[in-house]
Amino acid sequence: MDLGLEGRVALVTAASMGLGRATAEALAAEGTRVVICARGAEAVFEAKAALLAAGAPGALGLVEDVTDPAAPARLVAATLERFGRLDVLVGNAGGPPPGRALEVSDDQLLAALNANLLTSVRLVREAAPHMRSAGWGRICLIASYYVRQPAGHLALSNTARTGLWAWAKTAAADLAGDGVTLNLALPGPHDTERMRALGGGDRVAMGNPADFGKVVAFLCSEPAGYISGAALQVDNAATTALS
């Protein structure tokens, strides 16, 4: 299937490893020029070199902490300066530490909300005007299947990511008339450093991040232009809820 992404430009945050990197690789394989960022310079530039070596038509690596409130504006500006356009945004950020609902502190909650809700909101606010003016855009925010089925030991993630889902659901309607889609991808246990640290692999077989990246690439594609306001579970039936 031709995803209609050749020649497009994508910004993928927190993309030096894990699901972010897998997504950047999937988009690059479709002919998309990719801007990636992460906090560590060595990891960012290694990931950029790997993208180019694999045949990416263009890649830019930026050292940024996406949770810095000013980072989204810098990232979008750098993308436009380098490539002159921004067609696809994939918002991703590292997850908060585990914790039970009655045990997390105010500071922990605020940090989680900043990283896993406000960071994506800021990214969308910065990117959306450029997509609207072009009449085409795809936004996919990587969250977690715990949006559908909260985990007792991940109260911080449950709270922040469910808030993001509510915000994205309403924002998608505002963008729908401008050729811009906004969706969430909800990964279940995948073979990433974070999931291994949380012990996910001890309970279930983990998914391949490369396959997840291809799902995100589809949500960001031309054929997916009528999919917006959705939260797609990629979890091998781990979620048992009916809605």
Protein backbone atom coordinates (compact mmCIF):
# COMPACT_ATOMS: atom_id res chain seq x y z
CA MET A 1 0.00 0.00 0.00
CA ASP A 2 1.26 3.46 -0.89
CA LEU A 3 0.89 5.55 2.26
CA GLY A 4 1.31 8.81 0.35
CA LEU A 5 4.13 9.97 2.61
CA GLU A 6 6.94 10.32 0.10
CA GLY A 7 8.32 13.86 0.21
CA ARG A 8 6.54 14.70 3.44
CA VAL A 9 8.31 16.02 6.54
CA ALA A 10 7.75 14.54 10.00
CA LEU A 11 8.77 15.62 13.49
CA VAL A 12 9.05 12.71 15.94
CA THR A 13 9.95 13.53 19.53
CA ALA A 14 11.83 11.33 22.01
CA ALA A 15 12.98 9.28 19.04
CA SER A 16 16.49 8.07 19.84
CA MET A 17 15.21 4.71 21.08
CA GLY A 18 12.12 2.62 21.69
CA LEU A 19 8.77 3.34 20.08
CA GLY A 20 9.75 6.84 19.00
CA ARG A 21 12.74 5.57 17.06
CA ALA A 22 10.72 2.73 15.54
CA THR A 23 8.18 5.28 14.35
CA ALA A 24 10.83 7.52 12.83
CA GLU A 25 12.27 4.51 11.01
CA ALA A 26 8.85 3.49 9.67
CA LEU A 27 8.15 7.00 8.39
CA ALA A 28 11.58 7.25 6.78
CA ALA A 29 11.01 3.94 5.02
CA GLU A 30 7.97 5.54 3.37
CA GLY A 31 10.09 8.35 1.93
CA THR A 32 9.48 10.87 4.69
CA ARG A 33 12.17 13.31 5.76
CA VAL A 34 12.36 13.00 9.53
CA VAL A 35 13.31 15.36 12.36
CA ILE A 36 14.04 13.58 15.62
CA CYS A 37 14.97 14.79 19.07
CA ALA A 38 16.07 13.44 22.43
CA ARG A 39 17.99 14.67 25.45
CA GLY A 40 21.26 12.86 24.79
CA ALA A 41 23.44 14.14 21.95
CA GLU A 42 25.20 10.83 21.31
CA ALA A 43 21.93 8.90 21.10
CA VAL A 44 20.30 11.48 18.82
CA PHE A 45 23.15 11.58 16.35
CA GLU A 46 23.49 7.79 16.31
CA ALA A 47 19.79 7.49 15.52
CA LYS A 48 20.05 10.14 12.80
CA ALA A 49 23.03 8.34 11.22
CA ALA A 50 21.10 5.06 11.30
CA LEU A 51 18.12 6.66 9.55
CA LEU A 52 20.31 8.04 6.78
CA ALA A 53 22.20 4.76 6.44
CA ALA A 54 18.87 2.95 6.02
CA GLY A 55 17.93 5.24 3.14
CA ALA A 56 15.99 8.08 4.73
CA PRO A 57 15.68 10.90 2.16
CA GLY A 58 16.60 13.42 4.85
CA ALA A 59 17.07 13.51 8.61
CA LEU A 60 17.77 16.13 11.25
CA GLY A 61 18.75 15.29 14.83
CA LEU A 62 18.17 17.83 17.58
CA VAL A 63 19.23 17.71 21.22
CA GLU A 64 16.15 18.80 23.14
CA ASP A 65 14.32 17.88 26.31
CA VAL A 66 10.79 17.88 24.98
CA THR A 67 9.39 18.48 28.48
CA ASP A 68 10.95 21.96 28.48
CA PRO A 69 7.95 24.26 27.82
CA ALA A 70 9.95 26.18 25.21
CA ALA A 71 11.17 23.08 23.34
CA PRO A 72 8.12 22.51 21.09
CA ALA A 73 8.42 25.97 19.54
CA ARG A 74 12.14 25.44 18.92
CA LEU A 75 11.55 22.02 17.37
CA VAL A 76 8.87 23.24 14.97
CA ALA A 77 10.96 26.29 14.03
CA ALA A 78 14.01 24.10 13.34
CA THR A 79 11.94 21.74 11.20
CA LEU A 80 10.62 24.60 9.10
CA GLU A 81 14.04 26.17 8.79
CA ARG A 82 15.61 22.94 7.56
CA PHE A 83 12.87 21.50 5.37
CA GLY A 84 10.42 24.36 4.79
CA ARG A 85 7.34 22.44 5.85
CA LEU A 86 5.85 20.21 8.54
CA ASP A 87 3.32 17.58 7.53
CA VAL A 88 3.44 14.98 10.28
CA LEU A 89 3.84 15.29 14.04
CA VAL A 90 4.36 12.30 16.31
CA GLY A 91 4.37 13.38 19.94
CA ASN A 92 6.20 11.07 22.31
CA ALA A 93 7.77 11.43 25.75
CA GLY A 94 9.17 9.08 28.36
CA GLY A 95 6.70 7.70 30.84
CA PRO A 96 6.62 8.63 34.54
CA PRO A 97 7.74 6.29 37.30
CA PRO A 98 5.37 3.77 38.85
CA GLY A 99 3.34 4.65 41.91
CA ARG A 100 0.00 3.92 43.59
CA ALA A 101 -2.72 6.54 43.39
CA LEU A 102 -2.72 7.47 47.08
CA GLU A 103 1.06 7.48 47.35
CA VAL A 104 2.14 9.90 44.60
CA SER A 105 3.00 13.46 45.57
CA ASP A 106 1.86 16.76 44.10
CA ASP A 107 5.29 17.27 42.57
CA GLN A 108 5.18 13.85 40.92
CA LEU A 109 1.72 14.54 39.52
CA LEU A 110 2.78 17.90 38.14
CA ALA A 111 5.86 16.39 36.51
CA ALA A 112 3.78 13.64 34.91
CA LEU A 113 1.20 16.10 33.63
CA ASN A 114 3.94 18.26 32.15
CA ALA A 115 5.70 15.36 30.41
CA ASN A 116 2.76 13.27 29.26
CA LEU A 117 -0.01 15.81 28.71
CA LEU A 118 1.25 19.38 28.38
CA THR A 119 4.24 18.47 26.22
CA SER A 120 1.94 17.01 23.55
CA VAL A 121 -0.50 19.90 23.84
CA ARG A 122 2.32 22.38 23.25
CA LEU A 123 3.61 20.41 20.27
CA VAL A 124 0.18 20.33 18.64
CA ARG A 125 -0.38 24.04 19.26
CA GLU A 126 2.93 24.84 17.54
CA ALA A 127 2.48 22.47 14.60
CA ALA A 128 -1.23 22.83 13.83
CA PRO A 129 -1.15 26.36 12.31
CA HIS A 130 1.36 25.26 9.67
CA MET A 131 -0.67 22.17 8.83
CA ARG A 132 -3.90 24.16 8.66
CA SER A 133 -2.38 26.69 6.29
CA ALA A 134 -1.21 23.85 4.04
CA GLY A 135 -4.60 22.11 4.19
CA TRP A 136 -3.00 18.79 5.18
CA GLY A 137 -1.56 17.37 8.35
CA ARG A 138 -1.29 14.22 10.44
CA ILE A 139 -0.78 14.22 14.20
CA CYS A 140 -0.34 11.06 16.25
CA LEU A 141 0.35 11.15 19.97
CA ILE A 142 1.87 8.06 21.54
CA ALA A 143 0.21 7.27 24.87
CA SER A 144 -0.49 3.85 26.43
CA TYR A 145 -3.13 1.17 26.43
CA TYR A 146 -3.60 2.04 30.09
CA VAL A 147 -5.76 4.91 28.82
CA ARG A 148 -8.38 2.20 28.26
CA GLN A 149 -7.56 0.00 31.24
CA PRO A 150 -5.62 1.79 34.00
CA ALA A 151 -2.92 -0.13 35.84
CA GLY A 152 -2.96 0.09 39.63
CA HIS A 153 0.78 0.67 39.92
CA LEU A 154 0.96 3.39 37.25
CA ALA A 155 -1.25 6.12 38.69
CA LEU A 156 0.87 8.93 37.23
CA SER A 157 0.73 7.56 33.71
CA ASN A 158 -2.97 6.76 34.00
CA THR A 159 -3.78 10.31 35.06
CA ALA A 160 -1.67 12.23 32.57
CA ARG A 161 -2.34 10.09 29.52
CA THR A 162 -6.08 9.88 30.10
CA GLY A 163 -6.13 13.67 30.35
CA LEU A 164 -4.28 13.82 27.04
CA TRP A 165 -6.86 11.54 25.46
CA ALA A 166 -9.69 13.83 26.59
CA TRP A 167 -7.87 16.90 25.24
CA ALA A 168 -7.02 15.22 21.94
CA LYS A 169 -10.57 14.04 21.43
CA THR A 170 -11.84 17.60 21.61
CA ALA A 171 -8.93 19.09 19.63
CA ALA A 172 -9.47 16.61 16.80
CA ALA A 173 -12.93 18.03 16.18
CA ASP A 174 -11.49 21.54 15.93
CA LEU A 175 -8.98 20.40 13.28
CA ALA A 176 -11.29 18.15 11.28
CA GLY A 177 -12.37 20.79 8.79
CA ASP A 178 -8.83 21.81 7.91
CA GLY A 179 -7.46 18.55 6.52
CA VAL A 180 -5.62 17.76 9.76
CA THR A 181 -6.15 14.54 11.70
CA LEU A 182 -5.30 13.94 15.34
CA ASN A 183 -5.17 10.46 16.83
CA LEU A 184 -3.61 8.55 19.70
CA ALA A 185 -1.68 5.31 19.41
CA LEU A 186 -1.96 3.19 22.55
CA PRO A 187 0.89 0.68 22.75
CA GLY A 188 0.64 -2.32 24.98
CA PRO A 189 3.73 -4.21 26.13
CA HIS A 190 6.46 -3.79 23.53
CA ASP A 191 10.09 -4.79 23.74
CA THR A 192 11.48 -1.45 24.91
CA GLU A 193 13.80 -0.42 27.68
CA ARG A 194 10.94 1.13 29.69
CA MET A 195 8.72 -1.93 29.44
CA ARG A 196 11.56 -4.18 30.50
CA ALA A 197 12.24 -1.88 33.46
CA LEU A 198 8.57 -2.13 34.47
CA GLY A 199 8.72 -5.92 34.26
CA GLY A 200 6.26 -6.18 31.37
CA GLY A 201 8.20 -8.98 29.74
CA ASP A 202 7.84 -11.08 32.88
CA ARG A 203 4.06 -11.26 32.42
CA VAL A 204 3.36 -11.34 28.67
CA ALA A 205 5.08 -11.70 25.33
CA MET A 206 6.13 -8.28 24.12
CA GLY A 207 5.46 -6.77 20.73
CA ASN A 208 7.99 -5.67 18.15
CA PRO A 209 8.53 -1.87 18.20
CA ALA A 210 9.07 -1.94 14.42
CA ASP A 211 5.52 -3.20 13.92
CA PHE A 212 4.18 -0.49 16.20
CA GLY A 213 6.04 2.13 14.18
CA LYS A 214 4.32 0.93 11.02
CA VAL A 215 0.92 1.32 12.69
CA VAL A 216 1.75 4.92 13.55
CA ALA A 217 2.95 5.50 9.99
CA PHE A 218 -0.43 4.31 8.73
CA LEU A 219 -2.28 6.70 11.06
CA CYS A 220 -0.12 9.47 9.59
CA SER A 221 -0.78 8.43 6.00
CA GLU A 222 -2.87 9.72 3.12
CA PRO A 223 -5.31 6.76 3.24
CA ALA A 224 -5.97 7.46 6.95
CA GLY A 225 -7.37 10.90 6.19
CA TYR A 226 -10.83 9.99 7.52
CA ILE A 227 -9.52 8.61 10.82
CA SER A 228 -9.43 11.33 13.47
CA GLY A 229 -10.24 11.51 17.14
CA ALA A 230 -9.40 7.82 17.52
CA ALA A 231 -7.30 6.03 20.11
CA LEU A 232 -5.94 2.87 18.54
CA GLN A 233 -4.85 0.04 20.82
CA VAL A 234 -1.79 -1.89 19.69
CA ASP A 235 -1.70 -4.43 22.50
CA ASN A 236 -2.34 -8.00 21.29
CA ALA A 237 -5.80 -8.06 22.95
CA ALA A 238 -4.36 -7.14 26.37
CA THR A 239 -7.18 -4.65 26.95
CA THR A 240 -10.35 -6.42 28.00
CA ALA A 241 -12.68 -3.41 28.16
CA LEU A 242 -15.41 -3.27 25.50
CA SER A 243 -15.11 0.46 24.76
